Amino acid sequence: YPVTGIAKHPFETFATVGGDGDFVFWDYKARSRLKKCSLNGNIENNTITCCSFNTTGNLFAYAVGYDWSLGPKKDTSEGNCIYFHICEESEIQPKDKKTNRRRH
């Protein structure tokens, strides 16, 4: 599945979203995944097309809709929707390299 969006977080971490309906928070310095969330078919067309954090990083917004990967005839969606995820610090805080624990 394609990665359709990347968003930088103020904690020096970032998020990716994609055609599989997942959004993932990453620690790029440790090169590791912090958290993965899946739509799991709870939304009819589960392609996440773009994403962004607010300026303080406690709110993550993502849009779900058709990505046109199969052409216009395969679009069965009712339209696009925007969803919000409230970020807990433990989900997005980078890990300390020495201890492999979240930094405070």
C-alpha atoms as a PDB file:
ATOM      1  CA  TYR A   1       0.000   0.000   0.000  1.00  0.00           C
ATOM      2  CA  PRO A   2       1.253   3.496  -0.753  1.00  0.00           C
ATOM      3  CA  VAL A   3       2.206   6.064   1.849  1.00  0.00           C
ATOM      4  CA  THR A   4      -0.055   9.001   1.074  1.00  0.00           C
ATOM      5  CA  GLY A   5       0.956  11.500   3.757  1.00  0.00           C
ATOM      6  CA  ILE A   6       3.693  12.453   6.213  1.00  0.00           C
ATOM      7  CA  ALA A   7       3.435  14.962   9.070  1.00  0.00           C
ATOM      8  CA  LYS A   8       6.160  16.235  11.407  1.00  0.00           C
ATOM      9  CA  HIS A   9       5.467  16.439  15.138  1.00  0.00           C
ATOM     10  CA  PRO A  10       7.051  19.057  17.476  1.00  0.00           C
ATOM     11  CA  PHE A  11       8.745  16.237  19.503  1.00  0.00           C
ATOM     12  CA  GLU A  12      11.013  15.374  16.536  1.00  0.00           C
ATOM     13  CA  THR A  13       8.839  12.427  15.627  1.00  0.00           C
ATOM     14  CA  PHE A  14       6.505  12.079  12.649  1.00  0.00           C
ATOM     15  CA  ALA A  15       3.423  10.278  11.362  1.00  0.00           C
ATOM     16  CA  THR A  16       2.712   8.453   8.123  1.00  0.00           C
ATOM     17  CA  VAL A  17      -0.661   7.518   6.646  1.00  0.00           C
ATOM     18  CA  GLY A  18      -1.512   5.305   3.727  1.00  0.00           C
ATOM     19  CA  GLY A  19      -3.690   3.276   1.464  1.00  0.00           C
ATOM     20  CA  ASP A  20      -3.977   0.458   3.993  1.00  0.00           C
ATOM     21  CA  GLY A  21      -6.003   2.651   6.363  1.00  0.00           C
ATOM     22  CA  ASP A  22      -3.259   2.852   8.984  1.00  0.00           C
ATOM     23  CA  PHE A  23      -1.586   5.791  10.639  1.00  0.00           C
ATOM     24  CA  VAL A  24       1.761   5.213  12.301  1.00  0.00           C
ATOM     25  CA  PHE A  25       3.799   7.398  14.650  1.00  0.00           C
ATOM     26  CA  TRP A  26       7.568   7.085  14.203  1.00  0.00           C
ATOM     27  CA  ASP A  27      10.724   8.034  16.094  1.00  0.00           C
ATOM     28  CA  TYR A  28      13.069   8.876  13.236  1.00  0.00           C
ATOM     29  CA  LYS A  29      16.219   9.144  15.377  1.00  0.00           C
ATOM     30  CA  ALA A  30      15.711   5.671  16.868  1.00  0.00           C
ATOM     31  CA  ARG A  31      14.334   4.426  13.521  1.00  0.00           C
ATOM     32  CA  SER A  32      11.445   2.724  15.244  1.00  0.00           C
ATOM     33  CA  ARG A  33       7.669   2.676  15.247  1.00  0.00           C
ATOM     34  CA  LEU A  34       6.048   4.238  18.310  1.00  0.00           C
ATOM     35  CA  LYS A  35       2.392   3.382  17.627  1.00  0.00           C
ATOM     36  CA  LYS A  36       0.236   1.997  14.831  1.00  0.00           C
ATOM     37  CA  CYS A  37      -3.518   2.595  14.547  1.00  0.00           C
ATOM     38  CA  SER A  38      -5.725   0.874  11.975  1.00  0.00           C
ATOM     39  CA  LEU A  39      -9.157   1.752  10.680  1.00  0.00           C
ATOM     40  CA  ASN A  40      -9.715  -2.016  10.111  1.00  0.00           C
ATOM     41  CA  GLY A  41     -12.577  -1.524   7.703  1.00  0.00           C
ATOM     42  CA  ASN A  42     -14.570   0.541  10.197  1.00  0.00           C
ATOM     43  CA  ILE A  43     -14.877   3.149   7.470  1.00  0.00           C
ATOM     44  CA  GLU A  44     -16.182   2.165   4.023  1.00  0.00           C
ATOM     45  CA  ASN A  45     -13.277   3.589   2.034  1.00  0.00           C
ATOM     46  CA  ASN A  46     -10.370   3.243   4.415  1.00  0.00           C
ATOM     47  CA  THR A  47      -7.604   4.989   2.485  1.00  0.00           C
ATOM     48  CA  ILE A  48      -6.115   7.788   4.576  1.00  0.00           C
ATOM     49  CA  THR A  49      -5.156  10.426   2.034  1.00  0.00           C
ATOM     50  CA  CYS A  50      -3.417  13.118   4.136  1.00  0.00           C
ATOM     51  CA  CYS A  51      -2.592  14.120   7.714  1.00  0.00           C
ATOM     52  CA  SER A  52      -1.334  16.893   9.978  1.00  0.00           C
ATOM     53  CA  PHE A  53      -0.583  17.720  13.625  1.00  0.00           C
ATOM     54  CA  ASN A  54      -1.718  20.926  15.294  1.00  0.00           C
ATOM     55  CA  THR A  55       1.003  23.332  16.482  1.00  0.00           C
ATOM     56  CA  THR A  56       1.215  21.860  19.999  1.00  0.00           C
ATOM     57  CA  GLY A  57       1.183  18.278  18.717  1.00  0.00           C
ATOM     58  CA  ASN A  58      -1.659  17.019  20.896  1.00  0.00           C
ATOM     59  CA  LEU A  59      -4.148  16.661  18.021  1.00  0.00           C
ATOM     60  CA  PHE A  60      -3.658  14.606  14.862  1.00  0.00           C
ATOM     61  CA  ALA A  61      -6.032  15.144  11.930  1.00  0.00           C
ATOM     62  CA  TYR A  62      -6.368  12.777   8.981  1.00  0.00           C
ATOM     63  CA  ALA A  63      -8.600  12.614   5.937  1.00  0.00           C
ATOM     64  CA  VAL A  64     -10.210   9.425   4.642  1.00  0.00           C
ATOM     65  CA  GLY A  65     -11.357   9.131   1.068  1.00  0.00           C
ATOM     66  CA  TYR A  66     -10.760   7.575  -2.324  1.00  0.00           C
ATOM     67  CA  ASP A  67      -7.154   7.851  -3.574  1.00  0.00           C
ATOM     68  CA  TRP A  68      -7.914   7.211  -7.278  1.00  0.00           C
ATOM     69  CA  SER A  69      -5.461   4.291  -7.429  1.00  0.00           C
ATOM     70  CA  LEU A  70      -8.058   2.180  -9.287  1.00  0.00           C
ATOM     71  CA  GLY A  71      -9.420   4.952 -11.498  1.00  0.00           C
ATOM     72  CA  PRO A  72     -12.688   6.874 -11.491  1.00  0.00           C
ATOM     73  CA  LYS A  73     -14.956   3.856 -12.118  1.00  0.00           C
ATOM     74  CA  LYS A  74     -13.940   2.190  -8.842  1.00  0.00           C
ATOM     75  CA  ASP A  75     -14.871   5.170  -6.667  1.00  0.00           C
ATOM     76  CA  THR A  76     -17.762   3.952  -4.512  1.00  0.00           C
ATOM     77  CA  SER A  77     -17.238   6.367  -1.647  1.00  0.00           C
ATOM     78  CA  GLU A  78     -19.820   8.854  -0.456  1.00  0.00           C
ATOM     79  CA  GLY A  79     -17.151  11.534  -0.172  1.00  0.00           C
ATOM     80  CA  ASN A  80     -14.233  12.512   2.017  1.00  0.00           C
ATOM     81  CA  CYS A  81     -14.236  12.749   5.819  1.00  0.00           C
ATOM     82  CA  ILE A  82     -11.839  14.311   8.308  1.00  0.00           C
ATOM     83  CA  TYR A  83     -11.145  12.564  11.621  1.00  0.00           C
ATOM     84  CA  PHE A  84      -9.212  13.598  14.719  1.00  0.00           C
ATOM     85  CA  HIS A  85      -7.048  11.611  17.104  1.00  0.00           C
ATOM     86  CA  ILE A  86      -6.095  13.072  20.475  1.00  0.00           C
ATOM     87  CA  CYS A  87      -2.414  12.257  20.970  1.00  0.00           C
ATOM     88  CA  GLU A  88      -1.263  11.012  24.330  1.00  0.00           C
ATOM     89  CA  GLU A  89       2.327  11.998  25.081  1.00  0.00           C
ATOM     90  CA  SER A  90       3.220   8.304  25.485  1.00  0.00           C
ATOM     91  CA  GLU A  91       2.148   7.644  21.862  1.00  0.00           C
ATOM     92  CA  ILE A  92       4.355  10.259  20.267  1.00  0.00           C
ATOM     93  CA  GLN A  93       7.250  10.876  22.675  1.00  0.00           C
ATOM     94  CA  PRO A  94      10.617   9.727  21.210  1.00  0.00           C
ATOM     95  CA  LYS A  95      12.612   7.023  22.945  1.00  0.00           C
ATOM     96  CA  ASP A  96      15.909   7.623  24.733  1.00  0.00           C
ATOM     97  CA  LYS A  97      18.599   5.705  22.807  1.00  0.00           C
ATOM     98  CA  LYS A  98      20.432   4.554  25.920  1.00  0.00           C
ATOM     99  CA  THR A  99      17.476   3.219  27.892  1.00  0.00           C
ATOM    100  CA  ASN A 100      15.003   2.562  25.038  1.00  0.00           C
ATOM    101  CA  ARG A 101      12.375   4.302  27.201  1.00  0.00           C
ATOM    102  CA  ARG A 102      10.308   7.340  26.349  1.00  0.00           C
ATOM    103  CA  ARG A 103      11.992  10.682  27.064  1.00  0.00           C
ATOM    104  CA  HIS A 104      10.244  13.053  29.499  1.00  0.00           C
END
